[in-house]
Amino acid sequence: MNIELTQEQVEAFGRGESITLTPKPKQWEPRRGLNWVDRAHISTYTRLLQYVKEFGGDWEADWENMHQEKCYVYYGHSSGNRWHYSNPLKTRIGGTVYMSEACAEGLAAKLNSGEVVL
């Protein structure tokens, strides 16, 4: 069991006061040796990361700046089976590769033309 004390707890304990110990939760790690992740999905994700690295300039998502545009691409089945890019977001969705609006617009166009394949 791993327990960390706050500075306030250390000081209270030093004064002889009672403190409540709360175990720090063990951080989840994927189990080793399991082949449960499809390599194609990892490949798609890494290809997206590489595209943004090559064509996104020095843009980085700044989650402290709610005015910064943060876009991503998505495939729209209900809109003609084409790639689109999102309107700028101020929320964070896990597992999503974010990029500038210009980068996302260019990527969606290249995906639709076949120049880029994920």
Protein backbone atom coordinates (compact mmCIF):
# COMPACT_ATOMS: atom_id res chain seq x y z
CA MET A 1 0.00 0.00 0.00
CA ASN A 2 1.34 3.41 -0.99
CA ILE A 3 0.39 6.37 1.24
CA GLU A 4 1.36 9.99 0.67
CA LEU A 5 0.90 12.67 3.31
CA THR A 6 0.12 16.29 2.55
CA GLN A 7 2.17 18.99 4.23
CA GLU A 8 -0.86 19.79 6.40
CA GLN A 9 -1.10 16.16 7.54
CA VAL A 10 2.60 16.06 8.41
CA GLU A 11 2.25 19.24 10.47
CA ALA A 12 -0.93 18.00 12.22
CA PHE A 13 0.76 14.68 13.03
CA GLY A 14 3.77 16.58 14.38
CA ARG A 15 1.42 18.46 16.74
CA GLY A 16 0.04 15.12 17.98
CA GLU A 17 -3.29 15.50 16.20
CA SER A 18 -5.04 12.57 14.60
CA ILE A 19 -4.92 12.38 10.81
CA THR A 20 -6.81 10.26 8.30
CA LEU A 21 -4.68 8.19 5.95
CA THR A 22 -6.06 7.58 2.50
CA PRO A 23 -4.22 5.07 0.29
CA LYS A 24 -3.14 6.43 -3.06
CA PRO A 25 -4.88 4.42 -5.81
CA LYS A 26 -2.64 2.18 -7.86
CA GLN A 27 -2.29 3.54 -11.38
CA TRP A 28 -3.71 1.28 -14.07
CA GLU A 29 -1.32 -0.27 -16.55
CA PRO A 30 -2.36 -2.55 -19.42
CA ARG A 31 -1.56 -6.19 -18.82
CA ARG A 32 1.52 -7.40 -20.62
CA GLY A 33 1.39 -10.23 -23.12
CA LEU A 34 -2.18 -9.66 -24.26
CA ASN A 35 -2.80 -8.96 -27.92
CA TRP A 36 -6.08 -7.11 -27.38
CA VAL A 37 -5.25 -3.92 -29.30
CA ASP A 38 -5.77 -4.08 -33.04
CA ARG A 39 -2.56 -3.00 -34.80
CA ALA A 40 -4.60 -1.15 -37.44
CA HIS A 41 -6.02 1.18 -34.79
CA ILE A 42 -2.58 1.95 -33.43
CA SER A 43 -1.35 2.54 -36.95
CA THR A 44 -4.19 4.99 -37.64
CA TYR A 45 -3.48 6.89 -34.45
CA THR A 46 0.26 7.09 -35.08
CA ARG A 47 -0.33 8.14 -38.70
CA LEU A 48 -2.55 10.99 -37.44
CA LEU A 49 0.13 12.05 -34.96
CA GLN A 50 2.78 11.96 -37.68
CA TYR A 51 0.63 14.00 -40.08
CA VAL A 52 0.09 16.70 -37.44
CA LYS A 53 3.81 16.70 -36.67
CA GLU A 54 4.69 17.16 -40.34
CA PHE A 55 1.95 19.56 -41.43
CA GLY A 56 0.78 21.22 -38.22
CA GLY A 57 3.73 23.54 -37.79
CA ASP A 58 4.63 24.31 -34.21
CA TRP A 59 0.97 24.21 -33.07
CA GLU A 60 0.31 22.46 -29.76
CA ALA A 61 -2.95 22.13 -27.87
CA ASP A 62 -2.92 24.50 -24.90
CA TRP A 63 -5.71 23.30 -22.60
CA GLU A 64 -5.23 26.30 -20.32
CA ASN A 65 -6.17 28.59 -23.24
CA MET A 66 -9.90 28.21 -23.91
CA HIS A 67 -9.70 30.61 -26.88
CA GLN A 68 -7.23 28.46 -28.85
CA GLU A 69 -8.81 26.53 -31.72
CA LYS A 70 -8.50 22.77 -31.31
CA CYS A 71 -9.83 20.69 -34.20
CA TYR A 72 -9.92 17.05 -35.25
CA VAL A 73 -11.01 15.08 -38.32
CA TYR A 74 -13.90 12.62 -38.44
CA TYR A 75 -15.63 10.42 -41.00
CA GLY A 76 -19.27 11.33 -41.60
CA HIS A 77 -21.47 8.44 -42.73
CA SER A 78 -24.59 10.61 -42.65
CA SER A 79 -22.95 13.36 -44.69
CA GLY A 80 -21.96 11.53 -47.85
CA ASN A 81 -19.31 9.18 -46.44
CA ARG A 82 -16.68 11.88 -46.45
CA TRP A 83 -14.03 13.18 -44.08
CA HIS A 84 -14.77 16.43 -42.28
CA TYR A 85 -13.07 18.48 -39.63
CA SER A 86 -14.63 19.71 -36.44
CA ASN A 87 -15.46 23.24 -35.53
CA PRO A 88 -12.94 24.53 -33.02
CA LEU A 89 -13.48 22.90 -29.62
CA LYS A 90 -12.92 23.95 -26.07
CA THR A 91 -13.38 20.46 -24.62
CA ARG A 92 -11.01 17.52 -24.57
CA ILE A 93 -12.04 14.07 -25.77
CA GLY A 94 -9.71 11.21 -24.83
CA GLY A 95 -7.95 9.42 -27.67
CA THR A 96 -8.47 12.27 -30.13
CA VAL A 97 -5.63 13.82 -32.12
CA TYR A 98 -6.07 17.58 -32.03
CA MET A 99 -4.65 20.05 -34.52
CA SER A 100 -5.09 23.59 -35.76
CA GLU A 101 -8.08 24.36 -37.96
CA ALA A 102 -5.84 24.86 -41.01
CA CYS A 103 -4.16 21.49 -40.46
CA ALA A 104 -7.52 19.72 -39.94
CA GLU A 105 -9.03 21.33 -43.04
CA GLY A 106 -6.03 20.26 -45.15
CA LEU A 107 -6.07 16.74 -43.74
CA ALA A 108 -9.81 16.28 -44.41
CA ALA A 109 -9.29 17.41 -48.03
CA LYS A 110 -6.34 15.02 -48.50
CA LEU A 111 -8.28 12.13 -46.95
CA ASN A 112 -11.21 12.76 -49.31
CA SER A 113 -8.93 12.96 -52.36
CA GLY A 114 -7.06 9.79 -51.38
CA GLU A 115 -3.75 11.62 -51.01
CA VAL A 116 -3.67 10.56 -47.36
CA VAL A 117 -4.94 7.20 -46.10
CA LEU A 118 -5.30 6.32 -42.43
